[in-house]
PDB file of all heavy atoms in Angstrom:
ATOM      1  N   ALA A   1     101.714  72.655  88.850  1.00  0.00           N
ATOM      2  CA  ALA A   1     101.503  74.093  88.776  1.00  0.00           C
ATOM      3  C   ALA A   1     100.052  74.527  88.552  1.00  0.00           C
ATOM      4  O   ALA A   1      99.570  75.361  89.282  1.00  0.00           O
ATOM      5  CB  ALA A   1     102.430  74.625  87.635  1.00  0.00           C
ATOM      6  N   PRO A   2      99.371  73.985  87.570  1.00  0.00           N
ATOM      7  CA  PRO A   2      97.962  74.451  87.434  1.00  0.00           C
ATOM      8  C   PRO A   2      97.076  74.042  88.645  1.00  0.00           C
ATOM      9  O   PRO A   2      96.159  74.771  88.949  1.00  0.00           O
ATOM     10  CB  PRO A   2      97.527  73.749  86.118  1.00  0.00           C
ATOM     11  CG  PRO A   2      98.492  72.626  85.880  1.00  0.00           C
ATOM     12  CD  PRO A   2      99.794  73.106  86.513  1.00  0.00           C
ATOM     13  N   VAL A   3      97.431  72.929  89.250  1.00  0.00           N
ATOM     14  CA  VAL A   3      96.626  72.490  90.457  1.00  0.00           C
ATOM     15  C   VAL A   3      96.800  73.544  91.564  1.00  0.00           C
ATOM     16  O   VAL A   3      95.866  73.946  92.183  1.00  0.00           O
ATOM     17  CB  VAL A   3      97.185  71.111  90.940  1.00  0.00           C
ATOM     18  CG1 VAL A   3      96.375  70.778  92.222  1.00  0.00           C
ATOM     19  CG2 VAL A   3      96.904  70.078  89.879  1.00  0.00           C
ATOM     20  N   ALA A   4      98.019  74.070  91.742  1.00  0.00           N
ATOM     21  CA  ALA A   4      98.342  75.039  92.830  1.00  0.00           C
ATOM     22  C   ALA A   4      97.507  76.329  92.593  1.00  0.00           C
ATOM     23  O   ALA A   4      96.890  76.825  93.500  1.00  0.00           O
ATOM     24  CB  ALA A   4      99.794  75.317  92.876  1.00  0.00           C
ATOM     25  N   VAL A   5      97.498  76.805  91.369  1.00  0.00           N
ATOM     26  CA  VAL A   5      96.832  78.064  91.107  1.00  0.00           C
ATOM     27  C   VAL A   5      95.283  77.858  91.177  1.00  0.00           C
ATOM     28  O   VAL A   5      94.540  78.683  91.683  1.00  0.00           O
ATOM     29  CB  VAL A   5      97.248  78.625  89.707  1.00  0.00           C
ATOM     30  CG1 VAL A   5      96.426  79.977  89.436  1.00  0.00           C
ATOM     31  CG2 VAL A   5      98.715  78.861  89.660  1.00  0.00           C
ATOM     32  N   ALA A   6      94.816  76.758  90.605  1.00  0.00           N
ATOM     33  CA  ALA A   6      93.401  76.461  90.618  1.00  0.00           C
ATOM     34  C   ALA A   6      92.845  76.398  92.048  1.00  0.00           C
ATOM     35  O   ALA A   6      91.747  76.835  92.334  1.00  0.00           O
ATOM     36  CB  ALA A   6      93.126  75.149  89.886  1.00  0.00           C
ATOM     37  N   LEU A   7      93.653  75.756  92.975  1.00  0.00           N
ATOM     38  CA  LEU A   7      93.232  75.705  94.367  1.00  0.00           C
ATOM     39  C   LEU A   7      93.096  77.117  94.977  1.00  0.00           C
ATOM     40  O   LEU A   7      92.145  77.374  95.713  1.00  0.00           O
ATOM     41  CB  LEU A   7      94.225  74.857  95.136  1.00  0.00           C
ATOM     42  CG  LEU A   7      94.029  73.365  95.150  1.00  0.00           C
ATOM     43  CD1 LEU A   7      95.178  72.617  95.726  1.00  0.00           C
ATOM     44  CD2 LEU A   7      92.743  73.031  95.941  1.00  0.00           C
ATOM     45  N   GLY A   8      94.083  77.961  94.732  1.00  0.00           N
ATOM     46  CA  GLY A   8      94.024  79.289  95.323  1.00  0.00           C
ATOM     47  C   GLY A   8      92.804  80.073  94.800  1.00  0.00           C
ATOM     48  O   GLY A   8      92.143  80.710  95.562  1.00  0.00           O
ATOM     49  N   LEU A   9      92.590  79.937  93.510  1.00  0.00           N
ATOM     50  CA  LEU A   9      91.487  80.730  92.855  1.00  0.00           C
ATOM     51  C   LEU A   9      90.134  80.208  93.361  1.00  0.00           C
ATOM     52  O   LEU A   9      89.249  80.966  93.812  1.00  0.00           O
ATOM     53  CB  LEU A   9      91.525  80.527  91.349  1.00  0.00           C
ATOM     54  CG  LEU A   9      90.313  81.055  90.506  1.00  0.00           C
ATOM     55  CD1 LEU A   9      90.226  82.509  90.710  1.00  0.00           C
ATOM     56  CD2 LEU A   9      90.524  80.690  89.051  1.00  0.00           C
ATOM     57  N   SER A  10      89.956  78.872  93.372  1.00  0.00           N
ATOM     58  CA  SER A  10      88.652  78.329  93.759  1.00  0.00           C
ATOM     59  C   SER A  10      88.400  78.491  95.243  1.00  0.00           C
ATOM     60  O   SER A  10      87.265  78.635  95.693  1.00  0.00           O
ATOM     61  CB  SER A  10      88.603  76.824  93.424  1.00  0.00           C
ATOM     62  OG  SER A  10      89.698  76.135  93.940  1.00  0.00           O
ATOM     63  N   SER A  11      89.431  78.509  96.111  1.00  0.00           N
ATOM     64  CA  SER A  11      89.278  78.711  97.524  1.00  0.00           C
ATOM     65  C   SER A  11      88.713  80.136  97.822  1.00  0.00           C
ATOM     66  O   SER A  11      87.832  80.292  98.616  1.00  0.00           O
ATOM     67  CB  SER A  11      90.607  78.562  98.224  1.00  0.00           C
ATOM     68  OG  SER A  11      91.039  77.254  98.181  1.00  0.00           O
ATOM     69  N   VAL A  12      89.200  81.135  97.070  1.00  0.00           N
ATOM     70  CA  VAL A  12      88.691  82.504  97.263  1.00  0.00           C
ATOM     71  C   VAL A  12      87.258  82.547  96.763  1.00  0.00           C
ATOM     72  O   VAL A  12      86.404  83.084  97.477  1.00  0.00           O
ATOM     73  CB  VAL A  12      89.578  83.481  96.528  1.00  0.00           C
ATOM     74  CG1 VAL A  12      88.920  84.857  96.494  1.00  0.00           C
ATOM     75  CG2 VAL A  12      90.982  83.546  97.124  1.00  0.00           C
ATOM     76  N   VAL A  13      86.934  81.978  95.632  1.00  0.00           N
ATOM     77  CA  VAL A  13      85.634  81.998  95.050  1.00  0.00           C
ATOM     78  C   VAL A  13      84.638  81.247  96.005  1.00  0.00           C
ATOM     79  O   VAL A  13      83.599  81.727  96.341  1.00  0.00           O
ATOM     80  CB  VAL A  13      85.585  81.298  93.656  1.00  0.00           C
ATOM     81  CG1 VAL A  13      84.095  81.150  93.219  1.00  0.00           C
ATOM     82  CG2 VAL A  13      86.315  82.166  92.683  1.00  0.00           C
ATOM     83  N   GLY A  14      85.062  80.119  96.554  1.00  0.00           N
ATOM     84  CA  GLY A  14      84.246  79.360  97.420  1.00  0.00           C
ATOM     85  C   GLY A  14      83.979  79.991  98.774  1.00  0.00           C
ATOM     86  O   GLY A  14      82.933  79.778  99.417  1.00  0.00           O
ATOM     87  N   THR A  15      84.857  80.903  99.176  1.00  0.00           N
ATOM     88  CA  THR A  15      84.674  81.622 100.400  1.00  0.00           C
ATOM     89  C   THR A  15      83.604  82.670 100.304  1.00  0.00           C
ATOM     90  O   THR A  15      82.855  82.913 101.249  1.00  0.00           O
ATOM     91  CB  THR A  15      86.009  82.235 100.918  1.00  0.00           C
ATOM     92  OG1 THR A  15      86.974  81.168 101.122  1.00  0.00           O
ATOM     93  CG2 THR A  15      85.848  82.970 102.210  1.00  0.00           C
ATOM     94  N   VAL A  16      83.593  83.394  99.181  1.00  0.00           N
ATOM     95  CA  VAL A  16      82.696  84.560  99.097  1.00  0.00           C
ATOM     96  C   VAL A  16      81.284  84.226  98.562  1.00  0.00           C
ATOM     97  O   VAL A  16      80.364  85.043  98.787  1.00  0.00           O
ATOM     98  CB  VAL A  16      83.274  85.606  98.112  1.00  0.00           C
ATOM     99  CG1 VAL A  16      84.640  86.102  98.653  1.00  0.00           C
ATOM    100  CG2 VAL A  16      83.502  85.062  96.699  1.00  0.00           C
ATOM    101  N   VAL A  17      81.063  83.093  97.995  1.00  0.00           N
ATOM    102  CA  VAL A  17      79.763  82.745  97.534  1.00  0.00           C
ATOM    103  C   VAL A  17      78.848  82.299  98.741  1.00  0.00           C
ATOM    104  O   VAL A  17      79.432  81.861  99.759  1.00  0.00           O
ATOM    105  CB  VAL A  17      79.736  81.643  96.428  1.00  0.00           C
ATOM    106  CG1 VAL A  17      80.446  82.169  95.219  1.00  0.00           C
ATOM    107  CG2 VAL A  17      80.365  80.346  96.930  1.00  0.00           C
ATOM    108  N   ILE A  18      77.570  82.339  98.574  1.00  0.00           N
ATOM    109  CA  ILE A  18      76.658  82.051  99.703  1.00  0.00           C
ATOM    110  C   ILE A  18      76.324  80.611  99.886  1.00  0.00           C
ATOM    111  O   ILE A  18      75.706  80.215 100.918  1.00  0.00           O
ATOM    112  CB  ILE A  18      75.342  82.875  99.503  1.00  0.00           C
ATOM    113  CG1 ILE A  18      74.600  82.408  98.232  1.00  0.00           C
ATOM    114  CG2 ILE A  18      75.636  84.337  99.519  1.00  0.00           C
ATOM    115  CD1 ILE A  18      73.235  83.009  98.112  1.00  0.00           C
ATOM    116  N   THR A  19      76.609  79.703  98.909  1.00  0.00           N
ATOM    117  CA  THR A  19      76.297  78.311  99.076  1.00  0.00           C
ATOM    118  C   THR A  19      77.193  77.628 100.108  1.00  0.00           C
ATOM    119  O   THR A  19      78.376  78.027 100.212  1.00  0.00           O
ATOM    120  CB  THR A  19      76.395  77.589  97.715  1.00  0.00           C
ATOM    121  OG1 THR A  19      77.726  77.736  97.252  1.00  0.00           O
ATOM    122  CG2 THR A  19      75.413  78.102  96.704  1.00  0.00           C
ATOM    123  N   PRO A  20      76.689  76.644 100.854  1.00  0.00           N
ATOM    124  CA  PRO A  20      77.493  75.993 101.848  1.00  0.00           C
ATOM    125  C   PRO A  20      78.740  75.311 101.196  1.00  0.00           C
ATOM    126  O   PRO A  20      78.614  74.595 100.227  1.00  0.00           O
ATOM    127  CB  PRO A  20      76.535  74.922 102.409  1.00  0.00           C
ATOM    128  CG  PRO A  20      75.176  75.446 102.175  1.00  0.00           C
ATOM    129  CD  PRO A  20      75.277  76.182 100.852  1.00  0.00           C
ATOM    130  N   GLY A  21      79.913  75.583 101.758  1.00  0.00           N
ATOM    131  CA  GLY A  21      81.128  74.994 101.250  1.00  0.00           C
ATOM    132  C   GLY A  21      81.504  75.496  99.839  1.00  0.00           C
ATOM    133  O   GLY A  21      82.393  74.958  99.147  1.00  0.00           O
ATOM    134  N   GLY A  22      80.801  76.563  99.365  1.00  0.00           N
ATOM    135  CA  GLY A  22      81.085  77.113  98.054  1.00  0.00           C
ATOM    136  C   GLY A  22      80.610  76.191  96.938  1.00  0.00           C
ATOM    137  O   GLY A  22      81.103  76.279  95.784  1.00  0.00           O
ATOM    138  N   ALA A  23      79.681  75.233  97.285  1.00  0.00           N
ATOM    139  CA  ALA A  23      79.235  74.260  96.292  1.00  0.00           C
ATOM    140  C   ALA A  23      78.796  74.928  94.991  1.00  0.00           C
ATOM    141  O   ALA A  23      77.972  75.852  95.082  1.00  0.00           O
ATOM    142  CB  ALA A  23      78.091  73.423  96.918  1.00  0.00           C
ATOM    143  N   GLY A  24      79.246  74.392  93.897  1.00  0.00           N
ATOM    144  CA  GLY A  24      78.920  74.923  92.565  1.00  0.00           C
ATOM    145  C   GLY A  24      79.944  75.889  92.095  1.00  0.00           C
ATOM    146  O   GLY A  24      80.563  75.670  91.000  1.00  0.00           O
ATOM    147  N   ALA A  25      80.091  76.947  92.806  1.00  0.00           N
ATOM    148  CA  ALA A  25      81.135  78.067  92.353  1.00  0.00           C
ATOM    149  C   ALA A  25      82.553  77.512  92.457  1.00  0.00           C
ATOM    150  O   ALA A  25      83.348  77.765  91.541  1.00  0.00           O
ATOM    151  CB  ALA A  25      80.905  79.277  93.205  1.00  0.00           C
ATOM    152  N   TYR A  26      82.845  76.820  93.503  1.00  0.00           N
ATOM    153  CA  TYR A  26      84.212  76.254  93.700  1.00  0.00           C
ATOM    154  C   TYR A  26      84.581  75.286  92.547  1.00  0.00           C
ATOM    155  O   TYR A  26      85.628  75.460  91.951  1.00  0.00           O
ATOM    156  CB  TYR A  26      84.277  75.518  95.043  1.00  0.00           C
ATOM    157  CG  TYR A  26      85.691  75.001  95.405  1.00  0.00           C
ATOM    158  CD1 TYR A  26      86.354  75.635  96.471  1.00  0.00           C
ATOM    159  CD2 TYR A  26      86.213  73.827  94.804  1.00  0.00           C
ATOM    160  CE1 TYR A  26      87.578  75.136  96.841  1.00  0.00           C
ATOM    161  CE2 TYR A  26      87.484  73.403  95.185  1.00  0.00           C
ATOM    162  CZ  TYR A  26      88.159  74.062  96.218  1.00  0.00           C
ATOM    163  OH  TYR A  26      89.406  73.571  96.522  1.00  0.00           O
ATOM    164  N   GLU A  27      83.677  74.390  92.210  1.00  0.00           N
ATOM    165  CA  GLU A  27      83.928  73.482  91.175  1.00  0.00           C
ATOM    166  C   GLU A  27      84.059  74.145  89.785  1.00  0.00           C
ATOM    167  O   GLU A  27      84.907  73.777  89.009  1.00  0.00           O
ATOM    168  CB  GLU A  27      82.867  72.363  91.124  1.00  0.00           C
ATOM    169  CG  GLU A  27      82.771  71.503  92.351  1.00  0.00           C
ATOM    170  CD  GLU A  27      81.991  72.115  93.482  1.00  0.00           C
ATOM    171  OE1 GLU A  27      81.420  73.207  93.346  1.00  0.00           O
ATOM    172  OE2 GLU A  27      82.053  71.488  94.557  1.00  0.00           O
ATOM    173  N   ALA A  28      83.197  75.094  89.581  1.00  0.00           N
ATOM    174  CA  ALA A  28      83.181  75.805  88.303  1.00  0.00           C
ATOM    175  C   ALA A  28      84.493  76.549  88.117  1.00  0.00           C
ATOM    176  O   ALA A  28      85.073  76.527  87.004  1.00  0.00           O
ATOM    177  CB  ALA A  28      81.965  76.795  88.225  1.00  0.00           C
ATOM    178  N   ALA A  29      84.915  77.255  89.108  1.00  0.00           N
ATOM    179  CA  ALA A  29      86.150  78.052  89.037  1.00  0.00           C
ATOM    180  C   ALA A  29      87.344  77.136  88.789  1.00  0.00           C
ATOM    181  O   ALA A  29      88.253  77.414  87.923  1.00  0.00           O
ATOM    182  CB  ALA A  29      86.365  78.925  90.307  1.00  0.00           C
ATOM    183  N   MET A  30      87.392  76.051  89.504  1.00  0.00           N
ATOM    184  CA  MET A  30      88.534  75.149  89.376  1.00  0.00           C
ATOM    185  C   MET A  30      88.570  74.515  88.015  1.00  0.00           C
ATOM    186  O   MET A  30      89.659  74.514  87.341  1.00  0.00           O
ATOM    187  CB  MET A  30      88.508  74.095  90.479  1.00  0.00           C
ATOM    188  CG  MET A  30      89.630  73.048  90.362  1.00  0.00           C
ATOM    189  SD  MET A  30      89.784  72.067  91.873  1.00  0.00           S
ATOM    190  CE  MET A  30      90.732  73.214  92.923  1.00  0.00           C
ATOM    191  N   ALA A  31      87.441  73.919  87.609  1.00  0.00           N
ATOM    192  CA  ALA A  31      87.432  73.260  86.310  1.00  0.00           C
ATOM    193  C   ALA A  31      87.737  74.219  85.118  1.00  0.00           C
ATOM    194  O   ALA A  31      88.437  73.854  84.213  1.00  0.00           O
ATOM    195  CB  ALA A  31      86.087  72.618  86.102  1.00  0.00           C
ATOM    196  N   ALA A  32      87.213  75.447  85.272  1.00  0.00           N
ATOM    197  CA  ALA A  32      87.422  76.474  84.206  1.00  0.00           C
ATOM    198  C   ALA A  32      88.912  76.776  84.115  1.00  0.00           C
ATOM    199  O   ALA A  32      89.471  76.979  82.946  1.00  0.00           O
ATOM    200  CB  ALA A  32      86.614  77.742  84.520  1.00  0.00           C
ATOM    201  N   TYR A  33      89.616  76.914  85.248  1.00  0.00           N
ATOM    202  CA  TYR A  33      90.990  77.182  85.223  1.00  0.00           C
ATOM    203  C   TYR A  33      91.809  76.041  84.619  1.00  0.00           C
ATOM    204  O   TYR A  33      92.725  76.248  83.761  1.00  0.00           O
ATOM    205  CB  TYR A  33      91.549  77.549  86.596  1.00  0.00           C
ATOM    206  CG  TYR A  33      92.984  77.966  86.550  1.00  0.00           C
ATOM    207  CD1 TYR A  33      93.381  79.240  86.301  1.00  0.00           C
ATOM    208  CD2 TYR A  33      94.043  77.011  86.744  1.00  0.00           C
ATOM    209  CE1 TYR A  33      94.704  79.625  86.188  1.00  0.00           C
ATOM    210  CE2 TYR A  33      95.377  77.420  86.628  1.00  0.00           C
ATOM    211  CZ  TYR A  33      95.679  78.695  86.375  1.00  0.00           C
ATOM    212  OH  TYR A  33      97.019  79.054  86.322  1.00  0.00           O
ATOM    213  N   PHE A  34      91.477  74.844  85.011  1.00  0.00           N
ATOM    214  CA  PHE A  34      92.142  73.665  84.438  1.00  0.00           C
ATOM    215  C   PHE A  34      91.999  73.653  82.913  1.00  0.00           C
ATOM    216  O   PHE A  34      92.975  73.387  82.211  1.00  0.00           O
ATOM    217  CB  PHE A  34      91.574  72.400  85.043  1.00  0.00           C
ATOM    218  CG  PHE A  34      92.023  72.070  86.438  1.00  0.00           C
ATOM    219  CD1 PHE A  34      91.176  71.445  87.310  1.00  0.00           C
ATOM    220  CD2 PHE A  34      93.342  72.332  86.836  1.00  0.00           C
ATOM    221  CE1 PHE A  34      91.607  71.142  88.601  1.00  0.00           C
ATOM    222  CE2 PHE A  34      93.735  72.039  88.097  1.00  0.00           C
ATOM    223  CZ  PHE A  34      92.874  71.460  88.990  1.00  0.00           C
ATOM    224  N   ILE A  35      90.808  73.915  82.448  1.00  0.00           N
ATOM    225  CA  ILE A  35      90.561  73.832  80.997  1.00  0.00           C
ATOM    226  C   ILE A  35      91.305  74.964  80.306  1.00  0.00           C
ATOM    227  O   ILE A  35      91.829  74.751  79.194  1.00  0.00           O
ATOM    228  CB  ILE A  35      89.055  73.956  80.725  1.00  0.00           C
ATOM    229  CG1 ILE A  35      88.320  72.761  81.243  1.00  0.00           C
ATOM    230  CG2 ILE A  35      88.745  74.159  79.233  1.00  0.00           C
ATOM    231  CD1 ILE A  35      86.785  72.881  81.303  1.00  0.00           C
ATOM    232  N   ALA A  36      91.414  76.199  80.948  1.00  0.00           N
ATOM    233  CA  ALA A  36      92.059  77.305  80.310  1.00  0.00           C
ATOM    234  C   ALA A  36      93.581  76.958  80.224  1.00  0.00           C
ATOM    235  O   ALA A  36      94.231  77.541  79.299  1.00  0.00           O
ATOM    236  CB  ALA A  36      91.865  78.516  81.210  1.00  0.00           C
ATOM    237  N   THR A  37      94.126  76.132  81.048  1.00  0.00           N
ATOM    238  CA  THR A  37      95.583  75.842  81.028  1.00  0.00           C
ATOM    239  C   THR A  37      95.833  74.749  80.009  1.00  0.00           C
ATOM    240  O   THR A  37      97.041  74.363  79.754  1.00  0.00           O
ATOM    241  CB  THR A  37      96.082  75.394  82.393  1.00  0.00           C
ATOM    242  OG1 THR A  37      95.388  74.241  82.811  1.00  0.00           O
ATOM    243  CG2 THR A  37      95.941  76.494  83.442  1.00  0.00           C
ATOM    244  N   GLY A  38      94.789  74.160  79.363  1.00  0.00           N
ATOM    245  CA  GLY A  38      94.987  73.227  78.329  1.00  0.00           C
ATOM    246  C   GLY A  38      94.658  71.768  78.696  1.00  0.00           C
ATOM    247  O   GLY A  38      94.903  70.870  77.888  1.00  0.00           O
TER     248      GLY A  38
END
């Protein structure tokens, strides 16, 4: 369950940021969500 939501969130973040492949923002969004879920 948390993996599914984290993927959706990070994919959107990675699409809108200017770095290639969303590098940096994608990882930050995903890790932050995982940590928030415990």
